[in-house]
Amino acid sequence: MNISFRKNLNKNYMVIEKVSDFSENNFQVQMLLQNEIPTLLRFSFEIINGKAELFYDISSRQVFDRQFEISKMTFENLRTFCFSVRTLVRALEEYLLDPNNIILKKECIFTDPEANSYFFCYHPYYRGDILAELRELFNHILQIIDYEDEKAVRLAYEIHSKIQTDNFVLTDIMNVLQQDFSGSIRRIGKIEVEELEFEEDVQPVPVPVVEEATFLEKVSAYLKGRNLIDILEDINNGELRHKIRNEKPFYPSKEPFLLSEQNKKEPVKLLPGESFMEESVYPSGGTSSGGGTVLLGKAGNSNRRLVGIKGQEGQCIEVSKLPFTIGKLAGFADEVIDLPSISRLHTRIYPANDQGEYQIEDLNSTNGTFLNEQKLMPYTKTILREGDVIRLAGEEYRFC
């Protein structure tokens, strides 16, 4: 499937190229053309040399993967996403359209970050498997979730666990959403462990602090002598709860085990893609910046600047960290330029590669990003060198 991005007047499109055996009279094509279906991208097509090109209007929207490349996915983001999937599937049933024709891949899902809404691509000739693609998508979501948001972690791993089962159906996601994800998570050693409920045949010790100490001692004993691989195997085999409860502490203690504030604030990462367990052992990723923008991957400090040479003469933008996003949407952009010609998320500068070359990418902006007067295609990273001139609509800057 060949996907590209194009601009036509004031509209931006994702284009799926060279679709064979296309017919304008196809039932699904007509349903898409004649109806505005909730959460679906608007659809149109062109026939060129006997091959169809499918156009999806993505104006003022961001690729799912790009939005959460910098800012992490919160509980509300994930909850809204799940409800959007449900809304879409119900709408497709109403219009007699096959849900397996949704391209449920991160590069074909779009967001409106300001409204926290999601939009999907329906391909009349796509032959996919929505459940398989949902499993793959949630493997990715586990990597972009905000691990400072405990409710987000619980929800993501609970759904991830559900969709791994052979008898999973989409309505199972709705059942998960009705659960309470507001419980607290304790930090013990190198992992996060939810306080476990007692089995029916086990009576709790009357004094709470003594029982807590006994449980924590068991966890501490379990962790000693085990590496990360051992722990992950116990999680996958469903043996973590059993082994902790049957662990004999290496040392007796009558004093409660105190958790430092520093440890409580620093979740530690396990491997992504593991199934959610009651014990809530989960990974974390990245470092929160507190302002809504989070650096991932090769993010780091930068000593680069953008010096205004037209429209913003004399202005200097310190590229203080990388990746670095420019736009007018506060809370999502690292540099806010509040001008009508600037899109909410306009452009992004990425860290240097192994050759010391930086990269720049247009984020589907309305008025475009130009590098040395060459217009950049949306979501296509281009080499950025010292001295290059960047134009954002009518504003020009030199990269120094």
Protein backbone atom coordinates (compact mmCIF):
# COMPACT_ATOMS: atom_id res chain seq x y z
CA MET A 1 0.00 0.00 0.00
CA ASN A 2 1.60 3.26 -1.19
CA ILE A 3 0.76 6.23 1.04
CA SER A 4 1.72 9.85 0.37
CA PHE A 5 0.62 13.30 1.50
CA ARG A 6 -0.55 16.11 -0.76
CA LYS A 7 -1.84 19.64 -0.49
CA ASN A 8 -4.65 21.01 -2.66
CA LEU A 9 -5.48 24.68 -2.09
CA ASN A 10 -6.27 24.88 1.65
CA LYS A 11 -6.76 21.15 2.17
CA ASN A 12 -4.23 18.46 3.11
CA TYR A 13 -4.76 14.86 2.10
CA MET A 14 -3.40 11.42 2.82
CA VAL A 15 -3.37 9.60 -0.52
CA ILE A 16 -3.47 5.84 -1.00
CA GLU A 17 -2.13 5.25 -4.50
CA LYS A 18 -2.72 2.77 -7.30
CA VAL A 19 -5.78 0.91 -6.12
CA SER A 20 -6.58 -1.89 -8.59
CA ASP A 21 -10.06 -3.09 -9.57
CA PHE A 22 -11.62 0.13 -8.29
CA SER A 23 -15.25 0.81 -9.18
CA GLU A 24 -17.14 3.99 -8.42
CA ASN A 25 -20.30 1.90 -8.19
CA ASN A 26 -18.90 -0.23 -5.39
CA PHE A 27 -21.39 -0.27 -2.50
CA GLN A 28 -18.78 0.74 0.09
CA VAL A 29 -17.42 3.54 -2.10
CA GLN A 30 -20.90 4.99 -2.49
CA MET A 31 -21.61 4.78 1.23
CA LEU A 32 -18.40 6.68 1.97
CA LEU A 33 -19.10 9.34 -0.65
CA GLN A 34 -22.73 9.95 0.31
CA ASN A 35 -22.47 9.88 4.11
CA GLU A 36 -20.48 11.63 6.79
CA ILE A 37 -19.75 8.76 9.16
CA PRO A 38 -18.62 9.68 12.70
CA THR A 39 -14.86 9.43 13.34
CA LEU A 40 -14.10 8.55 9.68
CA LEU A 41 -11.86 10.76 7.55
CA ARG A 42 -13.72 12.33 4.63
CA PHE A 43 -13.19 10.26 1.48
CA SER A 44 -12.83 11.08 -2.24
CA PHE A 45 -11.00 9.56 -5.21
CA GLU A 46 -9.44 10.22 -8.60
CA ILE A 47 -8.84 7.86 -11.54
CA ILE A 48 -5.44 8.33 -13.20
CA ASN A 49 -4.35 6.04 -16.04
CA GLY A 50 -6.88 3.42 -15.00
CA LYS A 51 -5.65 3.39 -11.40
CA ALA A 52 -7.55 4.91 -8.52
CA GLU A 53 -6.08 7.19 -5.90
CA LEU A 54 -8.02 7.46 -2.66
CA PHE A 55 -7.96 10.84 -0.90
CA TYR A 56 -8.56 11.31 2.84
CA ASP A 57 -8.95 14.83 4.19
CA ILE A 58 -6.49 15.27 7.09
CA SER A 59 -6.53 19.08 7.26
CA SER A 60 -5.65 20.40 10.75
CA ARG A 61 -5.06 16.87 12.04
CA GLN A 62 -2.00 15.06 13.30
CA VAL A 63 -0.80 11.53 12.66
CA PHE A 64 -1.45 9.47 15.79
CA ASP A 65 2.17 8.39 15.99
CA ARG A 66 3.50 11.96 15.71
CA GLN A 67 1.30 13.42 18.44
CA PHE A 68 2.47 10.91 21.03
CA GLU A 69 6.06 10.98 19.85
CA ILE A 70 6.58 13.94 22.16
CA SER A 71 3.62 14.16 24.55
CA LYS A 72 2.67 10.90 26.25
CA MET A 73 -0.76 9.27 26.07
CA THR A 74 -2.79 10.03 29.18
CA PHE A 75 -5.75 8.19 30.67
CA GLU A 76 -8.19 10.63 29.03
CA ASN A 77 -6.39 10.26 25.67
CA LEU A 78 -6.63 6.47 25.84
CA ARG A 79 -10.18 6.42 27.16
CA THR A 80 -11.35 8.74 24.37
CA PHE A 81 -9.51 6.64 21.80
CA CYS A 82 -11.29 3.48 22.97
CA PHE A 83 -14.69 5.19 22.85
CA SER A 84 -13.85 6.46 19.35
CA VAL A 85 -13.17 2.91 18.18
CA ARG A 86 -16.50 1.79 19.65
CA THR A 87 -18.35 4.69 18.01
CA LEU A 88 -16.76 3.86 14.68
CA VAL A 89 -17.59 0.15 14.79
CA ARG A 90 -21.21 0.88 15.71
CA ALA A 91 -21.50 3.43 12.89
CA LEU A 92 -20.06 0.96 10.37
CA GLU A 93 -22.60 -1.63 11.41
CA GLU A 94 -25.36 0.91 10.84
CA TYR A 95 -24.08 1.62 7.33
CA LEU A 96 -23.47 -2.10 6.60
CA LEU A 97 -19.72 -1.56 6.24
CA ASP A 98 -17.10 -4.13 7.24
CA PRO A 99 -14.94 -3.06 10.25
CA ASN A 100 -12.07 -5.12 8.80
CA ASN A 101 -11.71 -2.44 6.13
CA ILE A 102 -10.47 0.04 8.73
CA ILE A 103 -6.71 0.53 8.46
CA LEU A 104 -6.05 0.43 12.19
CA LYS A 105 -2.36 1.24 11.93
CA LYS A 106 -0.70 4.12 13.77
CA GLU A 107 0.34 5.86 10.54
CA CYS A 108 -3.28 5.90 9.28
CA ILE A 109 -4.96 7.16 12.47
CA PHE A 110 -5.25 10.92 12.94
CA THR A 111 -5.92 13.12 15.93
CA ASP A 112 -7.11 16.57 16.83
CA PRO A 113 -4.88 17.13 19.90
CA GLU A 114 -6.75 20.22 21.07
CA ALA A 115 -10.15 18.49 21.03
CA ASN A 116 -8.74 15.07 22.04
CA SER A 117 -10.54 13.37 19.16
CA TYR A 118 -9.55 10.59 16.75
CA PHE A 119 -10.22 9.88 13.09
CA PHE A 120 -9.82 6.67 11.13
CA CYS A 121 -9.26 5.61 7.53
CA TYR A 122 -11.77 3.28 5.85
CA HIS A 123 -10.39 1.66 2.68
CA PRO A 124 -13.12 -0.01 0.55
CA TYR A 125 -10.62 -2.47 -0.94
CA TYR A 126 -8.51 -3.14 2.13
CA ARG A 127 -8.56 -6.68 3.48
CA GLY A 128 -7.41 -6.42 7.04
CA ASP A 129 -8.08 -8.01 10.42
CA ILE A 130 -9.27 -5.40 12.92
CA LEU A 131 -8.55 -7.59 15.95
CA ALA A 132 -5.02 -8.43 14.82
CA GLU A 133 -4.31 -4.79 14.05
CA LEU A 134 -5.76 -3.74 17.41
CA ARG A 135 -3.34 -6.11 19.16
CA GLU A 136 -0.42 -4.63 17.24
CA LEU A 137 -1.61 -1.10 17.97
CA PHE A 138 -1.81 -1.73 21.71
CA ASN A 139 1.73 -3.10 21.66
CA HIS A 140 2.67 0.35 20.41
CA ILE A 141 0.43 2.13 22.92
CA LEU A 142 2.31 0.42 25.75
CA GLN A 143 5.39 2.30 24.56
CA ILE A 144 3.79 5.75 24.38
CA ILE A 145 1.57 5.65 27.47
CA ASP A 146 2.21 8.18 30.24
CA TYR A 147 3.72 6.05 32.99
CA GLU A 148 3.31 8.91 35.45
CA ASP A 149 -0.46 8.46 34.98
CA GLU A 150 -1.38 5.35 36.99
CA LYS A 151 -4.92 5.18 35.60
CA ALA A 152 -3.56 5.25 32.06
CA VAL A 153 -1.17 2.41 32.85
CA ARG A 154 -3.88 0.25 34.40
CA LEU A 155 -6.28 0.81 31.51
CA ALA A 156 -3.66 0.18 28.82
CA TYR A 157 -2.45 -3.06 30.34
CA GLU A 158 -5.92 -4.34 31.16
CA ILE A 159 -7.02 -3.86 27.56
CA HIS A 160 -3.75 -5.29 26.26
CA SER A 161 -4.34 -8.39 28.38
CA LYS A 162 -7.93 -8.77 27.14
CA ILE A 163 -7.11 -8.53 23.44
CA GLN A 164 -4.50 -11.30 23.65
CA THR A 165 -7.20 -13.92 24.33
CA ASP A 166 -8.60 -16.02 21.49
CA ASN A 167 -12.22 -15.25 22.38
CA PHE A 168 -11.74 -11.47 22.51
CA VAL A 169 -14.48 -9.30 21.01
CA LEU A 170 -14.54 -5.51 20.71
CA THR A 171 -17.23 -5.16 23.36
CA ASP A 172 -14.68 -6.44 25.89
CA ILE A 173 -12.97 -3.06 25.68
CA MET A 174 -16.15 -1.37 26.86
CA ASN A 175 -16.33 -3.71 29.83
CA VAL A 176 -12.80 -2.72 30.77
CA LEU A 177 -13.65 0.97 30.54
CA GLN A 178 -16.34 0.51 33.19
CA GLN A 179 -13.77 -0.60 35.75
CA ASP A 180 -12.32 1.66 38.44
CA PHE A 181 -8.70 2.53 37.66
CA SER A 182 -8.19 5.00 40.47
CA GLY A 183 -6.42 2.68 42.96
CA SER A 184 -2.93 3.48 44.15
CA ILE A 185 0.24 1.66 43.17
CA ARG A 186 3.11 1.06 45.60
CA ARG A 187 6.74 1.08 44.62
CA ILE A 188 8.80 -1.81 45.91
CA GLY A 189 12.40 -2.25 44.85
CA LYS A 190 12.66 -2.06 41.08
CA ILE A 191 9.03 -2.71 40.13
CA GLU A 192 5.59 -1.32 40.76
CA VAL A 193 3.26 -3.69 42.64
CA GLU A 194 -0.42 -3.16 43.35
CA GLU A 195 -1.52 -4.23 46.85
CA LEU A 196 -2.99 -7.69 46.39
CA GLU A 197 -6.34 -8.76 47.77
CA PHE A 198 -6.45 -11.77 50.09
CA GLU A 199 -7.69 -15.09 48.84
CA GLU A 200 -11.06 -16.09 50.31
CA ASP A 201 -9.53 -18.74 52.57
CA VAL A 202 -6.83 -16.43 53.95
CA GLN A 203 -7.63 -14.13 56.88
CA PRO A 204 -5.75 -10.82 57.11
CA VAL A 205 -3.70 -10.01 60.16
CA PRO A 206 -5.74 -7.67 62.41
CA VAL A 207 -3.00 -5.02 62.62
CA PRO A 208 -2.67 -3.47 59.13
CA VAL A 209 0.90 -2.26 59.47
CA VAL A 210 2.11 -5.75 60.45
CA GLU A 211 0.38 -7.35 57.44
CA GLU A 212 1.81 -4.72 55.12
CA ALA A 213 5.30 -5.33 56.46
CA THR A 214 4.91 -9.10 56.02
CA PHE A 215 3.74 -8.69 52.43
CA LEU A 216 6.54 -6.28 51.57
CA GLU A 217 9.12 -8.57 53.10
CA LYS A 218 7.85 -11.34 50.83
CA VAL A 219 8.14 -9.10 47.79
CA SER A 220 11.64 -8.08 48.83
CA ALA A 221 12.58 -11.73 49.28
CA TYR A 222 11.10 -12.59 45.88
CA LEU A 223 13.11 -9.89 44.13
CA LYS A 224 16.42 -10.98 45.64
CA GLY A 225 18.27 -13.34 43.36
CA ARG A 226 15.91 -12.85 40.43
CA ASN A 227 16.71 -10.87 37.32
CA LEU A 228 14.30 -9.06 35.02
CA ILE A 229 13.88 -12.08 32.72
CA ASP A 230 12.84 -14.29 35.65
CA ILE A 231 10.25 -11.74 36.76
CA LEU A 232 8.84 -11.36 33.23
CA GLU A 233 8.53 -15.13 32.89
CA ASP A 234 6.57 -15.31 36.15
CA ILE A 235 4.29 -12.54 34.89
CA ASN A 236 3.64 -14.25 31.55
CA ASN A 237 3.06 -17.60 33.25
CA GLY A 238 0.64 -16.07 35.75
CA GLU A 239 2.80 -17.21 38.67
CA LEU A 240 3.84 -13.86 40.16
CA ARG A 241 1.09 -13.70 42.82
CA HIS A 242 1.61 -17.32 43.83
CA LYS A 243 5.38 -17.06 44.12
CA ILE A 244 5.29 -13.84 46.15
CA ARG A 245 2.80 -15.25 48.62
CA ASN A 246 4.78 -18.44 49.06
CA GLU A 247 8.12 -16.70 49.36
CA LYS A 248 9.98 -17.02 52.64
CA PRO A 249 11.67 -13.76 53.64
CA PHE A 250 15.42 -13.90 54.02
CA TYR A 251 15.18 -11.94 57.25
CA PRO A 252 12.48 -11.45 59.87
CA SER A 253 11.39 -7.92 60.62
CA LYS A 254 8.82 -6.42 62.95
CA GLU A 255 9.28 -2.93 61.59
CA PRO A 256 7.19 -1.67 58.66
CA PHE A 257 9.03 -1.34 55.38
CA LEU A 258 9.21 2.38 54.54
CA LEU A 259 9.15 3.56 50.97
CA SER A 260 11.18 6.63 50.11
CA GLU A 261 9.52 9.52 48.35
CA GLN A 262 12.23 9.42 45.70
CA ASN A 263 11.44 5.83 44.82
CA LYS A 264 7.72 6.55 44.61
CA LYS A 265 8.33 9.14 41.90
CA GLU A 266 10.50 7.10 39.58
CA PRO A 267 8.73 4.17 37.88
CA VAL A 268 11.17 1.83 36.18
CA LYS A 269 10.72 0.33 32.75
CA LEU A 270 10.08 -3.32 31.98
CA LEU A 271 9.96 -4.54 28.42
CA PRO A 272 7.00 -3.18 26.40
CA GLY A 273 4.38 -5.61 25.20
CA GLU A 274 3.97 -7.61 28.41
CA SER A 275 0.45 -8.55 29.46
CA PHE A 276 -1.27 -6.73 32.33
CA MET A 277 -1.45 -8.62 35.63
CA GLU A 278 -3.33 -7.91 38.84
CA GLU A 279 -0.05 -6.99 40.45
CA SER A 280 0.23 -4.08 37.98
CA VAL A 281 3.86 -4.67 37.12
CA TYR A 282 4.41 -2.20 34.34
CA PRO A 283 7.11 -0.30 32.48
CA SER A 284 7.69 3.38 32.27
CA GLY A 285 9.33 5.46 29.61
CA GLY A 286 10.75 8.94 29.12
CA THR A 287 10.94 11.83 31.52
CA SER A 288 7.99 14.08 32.18
CA SER A 289 8.58 17.77 31.73
CA GLY A 290 5.54 18.77 33.76
CA GLY A 291 4.32 21.12 31.05
CA GLY A 292 2.67 18.51 28.90
CA THR A 293 5.64 18.03 26.57
CA VAL A 294 7.65 14.86 27.12
CA LEU A 295 10.92 13.92 25.51
CA LEU A 296 11.37 10.38 24.22
CA GLY A 297 14.01 8.44 22.35
CA LYS A 298 17.13 10.44 21.63
CA ALA A 299 15.79 13.61 23.19
CA GLY A 300 18.29 15.86 24.86
CA ASN A 301 19.57 19.37 25.27
CA SER A 302 20.47 21.52 22.31
CA ASN A 303 22.53 24.65 21.74
CA ARG A 304 20.88 25.50 18.43
CA ARG A 305 18.82 28.61 17.67
CA LEU A 306 16.37 29.92 15.09
CA VAL A 307 17.13 33.58 14.32
CA GLY A 308 14.31 35.60 12.76
CA ILE A 309 15.24 37.18 9.42
CA LYS A 310 11.79 38.00 7.99
CA GLY A 311 8.51 38.68 9.75
CA GLN A 312 10.20 37.94 13.06
CA GLU A 313 13.35 40.04 12.59
CA GLY A 314 15.48 40.17 15.70
CA GLN A 315 13.59 37.34 17.36
CA CYS A 316 15.65 34.40 18.58
CA ILE A 317 14.13 31.03 19.36
CA GLU A 318 16.33 28.88 21.57
CA VAL A 319 16.03 25.27 20.46
CA SER A 320 16.49 24.21 24.05
CA LYS A 321 15.73 20.51 23.61
CA LEU A 322 15.22 17.99 20.86
CA PRO A 323 12.85 17.05 19.37
CA PHE A 324 11.56 20.63 19.30
CA THR A 325 8.01 21.46 18.17
CA ILE A 326 6.85 24.85 16.90
CA GLY A 327 3.17 25.85 16.67
CA LYS A 328 0.55 27.99 18.33
CA LEU A 329 -1.06 25.33 20.54
CA ALA A 330 0.17 25.95 24.07
CA GLY A 331 0.91 22.80 26.02
CA PHE A 332 1.84 20.86 22.88
CA ALA A 333 4.36 23.17 21.19
CA ASP A 334 7.76 23.90 22.72
CA GLU A 335 7.77 27.32 21.04
CA VAL A 336 4.38 29.01 20.76
CA ILE A 337 4.05 31.45 17.84
CA ASP A 338 0.56 32.91 18.13
CA LEU A 339 0.00 34.05 14.55
CA PRO A 340 -2.96 33.23 12.27
CA SER A 341 -0.64 31.78 9.61
CA ILE A 342 0.95 29.32 12.04
CA SER A 343 -0.76 25.95 12.58
CA ARG A 344 -1.46 24.53 16.00
CA LEU A 345 1.40 22.07 15.46
CA HIS A 346 3.41 23.41 12.55
CA THR A 347 6.90 21.90 12.38
CA ARG A 348 9.34 19.82 14.39
CA ILE A 349 13.15 19.68 14.57
CA TYR A 350 14.77 16.35 15.42
CA PRO A 351 18.15 15.48 17.00
CA ALA A 352 21.22 15.05 14.88
CA ASN A 353 21.86 11.62 13.40
CA ASP A 354 25.14 9.73 13.52
CA GLN A 355 26.51 12.04 10.83
CA GLY A 356 25.69 15.12 12.91
CA GLU A 357 22.82 16.13 10.61
CA TYR A 358 19.60 17.49 12.12
CA GLN A 359 16.19 16.84 10.58
CA ILE A 360 13.05 18.92 10.14
CA GLU A 361 9.51 17.78 9.46
CA ASP A 362 6.29 19.57 8.55
CA LEU A 363 3.43 18.48 10.83
CA ASN A 364 0.65 18.75 8.26
CA SER A 365 0.55 22.54 8.62
CA THR A 366 -2.02 24.56 6.69
CA ASN A 367 0.45 27.04 5.18
CA GLY A 368 3.42 24.75 4.93
CA THR A 369 7.03 24.54 6.05
CA PHE A 370 9.73 25.60 3.58
CA LEU A 371 13.42 24.73 3.79
CA ASN A 372 15.58 26.99 1.62
CA GLU A 373 12.36 27.82 -0.29
CA GLN A 374 11.61 24.16 -0.98
CA LYS A 375 8.24 23.14 0.41
CA LEU A 376 8.38 20.09 2.64
CA MET A 377 5.93 17.24 2.26
CA PRO A 378 3.97 16.57 5.47
CA TYR A 379 5.47 13.94 7.78
CA THR A 380 8.63 13.59 5.70
CA LYS A 381 11.86 14.22 7.59
CA THR A 382 14.43 16.28 5.69
CA ILE A 383 18.08 16.99 6.51
CA LEU A 384 18.54 20.37 8.26
CA ARG A 385 22.00 21.97 8.27
CA GLU A 386 23.50 24.99 9.97
CA GLY A 387 22.72 28.12 7.98
CA ASP A 388 19.59 26.73 6.35
CA VAL A 389 16.59 29.06 6.12
CA ILE A 390 13.28 27.80 7.47
CA ARG A 391 10.05 29.52 6.45
CA LEU A 392 6.87 28.89 8.39
CA ALA A 393 4.16 30.47 6.26
CA GLY A 394 5.50 34.07 6.04
CA GLU A 395 7.95 33.85 8.96
CA GLU A 396 11.60 33.13 8.12
CA TYR A 397 14.35 31.91 10.44
CA ARG A 398 17.96 30.89 10.02
CA PHE A 399 19.06 27.68 11.75
CA CYS A 400 22.24 28.41 13.70
